Amino acid sequence: MARLIRLLRLPILAVVAAASLALTTQPALARGQAPLSHQQARRLLVLAARHHHLNPNFVLAVSYWESGWNQKAISRTGAVGLMQIEPYTAAWAGPRFLHHRADLRNPVDNAELGAALLRDYLDRLHDPKLALAAYYQGLRGVQLHGIYPSSRAYVDGIWRLRNRFQAGHYPA
């Protein structure tokens, strides 16, 4: 019931997208079935990108670089899911952007939270490459020091992927 009440507060297109995602992904995950295919992950990421008014290829590139579109990916530092979000980031960002505690193992929450973070960084920094750096190294670091030399390969690699995806060259 609480989920329905939260949905009623969203614009109608977001409600339709959230309902279709809930029907197509969450029941399968709840039954412990196979993880999302690359095609399903891409569709989910595109919906999250559009929901947050981002270029879908931007979000797709971040997710592919971070996890290879693998919802079960866990990094050595503990980042989780399609968008490789750290649990401590989800602790503050979930309530702020999703209005509930994010479940990083749920690919819908993970994609939505990752896209919301990118949108927030883009709104604050007004530059997609700085937003990528903030996603990687933290907003405060970018505000104080710009892109760290150690973040340059990350930013440039994702930007190249985004350009490839923009041209329609997606991995299988």
Protein backbone atom coordinates (compact mmCIF):
# COMPACT_ATOMS: atom_id res chain seq x y z
CA MET A 1 0.00 0.00 0.00
CA ALA A 2 2.82 2.42 0.86
CA ARG A 3 4.37 1.74 -2.56
CA LEU A 4 1.04 2.59 -4.24
CA ILE A 5 0.80 5.84 -2.29
CA ARG A 6 4.35 6.76 -3.38
CA LEU A 7 3.42 5.98 -6.99
CA LEU A 8 0.39 8.26 -6.80
CA ARG A 9 2.74 11.19 -6.15
CA LEU A 10 4.70 10.58 -9.38
CA PRO A 11 3.81 11.94 -12.82
CA ILE A 12 1.65 9.52 -14.81
CA LEU A 13 4.47 8.48 -17.20
CA ALA A 14 6.68 7.59 -14.26
CA VAL A 15 3.84 5.53 -12.79
CA VAL A 16 3.42 3.61 -16.04
CA ALA A 17 7.18 3.01 -16.30
CA ALA A 18 7.44 1.95 -12.65
CA ALA A 19 4.45 -0.39 -12.99
CA SER A 20 5.82 -2.01 -16.12
CA LEU A 21 9.22 -2.45 -14.48
CA ALA A 22 7.64 -3.92 -11.38
CA LEU A 23 5.66 -6.38 -13.44
CA THR A 24 8.54 -7.42 -15.71
CA THR A 25 11.51 -7.56 -13.34
CA GLN A 26 10.62 -7.76 -9.68
CA PRO A 27 8.50 -10.93 -9.64
CA ALA A 28 11.22 -12.86 -11.47
CA LEU A 29 13.82 -11.62 -9.01
CA ALA A 30 11.61 -12.45 -6.05
CA ARG A 31 11.35 -16.05 -7.24
CA GLY A 32 15.13 -16.26 -7.50
CA GLN A 33 15.11 -16.76 -11.26
CA ALA A 34 17.94 -15.85 -13.61
CA PRO A 35 19.35 -12.32 -13.54
CA LEU A 36 18.36 -9.77 -16.15
CA SER A 37 19.62 -10.25 -19.68
CA HIS A 38 21.67 -7.42 -21.20
CA GLN A 39 18.60 -6.40 -23.18
CA GLN A 40 16.43 -6.25 -20.03
CA ALA A 41 19.13 -4.33 -18.17
CA ARG A 42 19.45 -1.84 -21.04
CA ARG A 43 15.68 -1.33 -21.13
CA LEU A 44 15.59 -0.71 -17.38
CA LEU A 45 18.55 1.73 -17.57
CA VAL A 46 16.97 3.64 -20.46
CA LEU A 47 13.74 4.05 -18.47
CA ALA A 48 15.71 5.33 -15.45
CA ALA A 49 17.67 7.73 -17.68
CA ARG A 50 14.50 9.12 -19.22
CA HIS A 51 12.84 9.41 -15.82
CA HIS A 52 15.72 11.66 -14.72
CA HIS A 53 15.94 13.54 -18.04
CA LEU A 54 19.34 12.13 -18.98
CA ASN A 55 20.70 10.92 -22.29
CA PRO A 56 20.10 7.15 -22.10
CA ASN A 57 23.48 6.45 -23.70
CA PHE A 58 25.16 8.36 -20.88
CA VAL A 59 23.55 6.11 -18.25
CA LEU A 60 24.12 2.98 -20.34
CA ALA A 61 27.82 3.82 -20.66
CA VAL A 62 28.24 4.38 -16.91
CA SER A 63 26.52 1.10 -16.12
CA TYR A 64 28.44 -0.86 -18.74
CA TRP A 65 31.77 0.53 -17.52
CA GLU A 66 30.87 -0.07 -13.89
CA SER A 67 29.24 -3.52 -14.03
CA GLY A 68 29.02 -4.77 -17.61
CA TRP A 69 25.23 -4.49 -17.11
CA ASN A 70 25.45 -7.19 -14.43
CA GLN A 71 22.88 -6.63 -11.68
CA LYS A 72 24.74 -9.03 -9.37
CA ALA A 73 28.13 -7.31 -9.68
CA ILE A 74 29.86 -6.43 -6.42
CA SER A 75 33.17 -4.58 -6.51
CA ARG A 76 36.10 -5.21 -4.19
CA THR A 77 35.16 -1.97 -2.41
CA GLY A 78 31.55 -3.12 -1.89
CA ALA A 79 29.78 -1.20 -4.68
CA VAL A 80 26.67 -3.09 -5.77
CA GLY A 81 24.60 -3.71 -8.89
CA LEU A 82 24.14 -2.27 -12.35
CA MET A 83 25.32 1.19 -11.38
CA GLN A 84 27.86 0.04 -8.75
CA ILE A 85 26.54 2.17 -5.90
CA GLU A 86 28.27 2.07 -2.54
CA PRO A 87 25.98 1.16 0.39
CA TYR A 88 26.94 4.31 2.30
CA THR A 89 25.91 6.41 -0.72
CA ALA A 90 22.58 4.58 -0.91
CA ALA A 91 22.00 5.23 2.80
CA TRP A 92 21.71 8.99 2.24
CA ALA A 93 20.80 9.13 -1.47
CA GLY A 94 17.96 6.58 -1.43
CA PRO A 95 15.74 8.58 0.93
CA ARG A 96 16.71 11.85 -0.75
CA PHE A 97 16.12 10.84 -4.38
CA LEU A 98 13.86 7.77 -4.28
CA HIS A 99 11.98 8.72 -1.10
CA HIS A 100 12.63 5.31 0.38
CA ARG A 101 15.54 3.18 1.52
CA ALA A 102 17.14 1.85 -1.66
CA ASP A 103 17.68 -1.88 -2.07
CA LEU A 104 20.87 -1.94 -4.15
CA ARG A 105 20.30 -5.57 -5.11
CA ASN A 106 17.00 -4.59 -6.72
CA PRO A 107 17.96 -3.53 -10.27
CA VAL A 108 15.10 -1.01 -10.45
CA ASP A 109 16.26 0.81 -7.30
CA ASN A 110 19.88 0.55 -8.40
CA ALA A 111 19.24 2.01 -11.88
CA GLU A 112 16.96 4.74 -10.54
CA LEU A 113 19.39 5.76 -7.81
CA GLY A 114 22.38 5.78 -10.16
CA ALA A 115 20.50 7.93 -12.68
CA ALA A 116 19.29 10.26 -9.91
CA LEU A 117 22.86 10.73 -8.66
CA LEU A 118 24.11 11.50 -12.18
CA ARG A 119 21.25 14.00 -12.66
CA ASP A 120 22.06 15.69 -9.35
CA TYR A 121 25.77 15.95 -10.19
CA LEU A 122 24.98 17.29 -13.65
CA ASP A 123 22.61 19.90 -12.20
CA ARG A 124 25.26 21.02 -9.72
CA LEU A 125 28.32 20.94 -11.99
CA HIS A 126 26.77 21.74 -15.42
CA ASP A 127 29.25 19.49 -17.24
CA PRO A 128 28.75 15.78 -17.99
CA LYS A 129 32.44 14.97 -17.61
CA LEU A 130 32.54 16.64 -14.19
CA ALA A 131 29.35 14.73 -13.28
CA LEU A 132 31.13 11.48 -14.20
CA ALA A 133 34.10 12.46 -12.06
CA ALA A 134 31.76 13.22 -9.15
CA TYR A 135 30.11 9.81 -9.56
CA TYR A 136 33.57 8.21 -9.31
CA GLN A 137 35.51 10.37 -6.87
CA GLY A 138 32.78 12.22 -5.00
CA LEU A 139 31.11 15.57 -5.48
CA ARG A 140 33.20 17.42 -2.91
CA GLY A 141 36.46 16.32 -4.51
CA VAL A 142 35.34 17.63 -7.89
CA GLN A 143 34.11 20.90 -6.39
CA LEU A 144 37.45 21.46 -4.64
CA HIS A 145 39.96 19.99 -7.09
CA GLY A 146 38.29 19.22 -10.42
CA ILE A 147 38.92 15.83 -12.02
CA TYR A 148 41.67 13.96 -10.20
CA PRO A 149 44.40 12.57 -12.48
CA SER A 150 43.44 9.11 -11.18
CA SER A 151 39.85 9.69 -12.41
CA ARG A 152 40.79 10.78 -15.93
CA ALA A 153 40.83 7.25 -17.44
CA TYR A 154 37.40 6.55 -15.89
CA VAL A 155 35.84 9.74 -17.27
CA ASP A 156 37.44 9.41 -20.71
CA GLY A 157 36.58 5.70 -20.98
CA ILE A 158 32.92 6.26 -20.17
CA TRP A 159 32.76 9.22 -22.55
CA ARG A 160 34.15 7.05 -25.38
CA LEU A 161 31.57 4.35 -24.57
CA ARG A 162 28.80 6.93 -24.55
CA ASN A 163 29.87 8.12 -28.00
CA ARG A 164 29.95 4.51 -29.30
CA PHE A 165 26.49 3.86 -27.89
CA GLN A 166 25.27 7.17 -29.34
CA ALA A 167 26.37 5.88 -32.74
CA GLY A 168 24.36 2.68 -32.17
CA HIS A 169 27.27 0.34 -31.41
CA TYR A 170 26.12 -1.68 -28.40
CA PRO A 171 27.83 -4.84 -27.09
CA ALA A 172 25.92 -8.09 -27.51
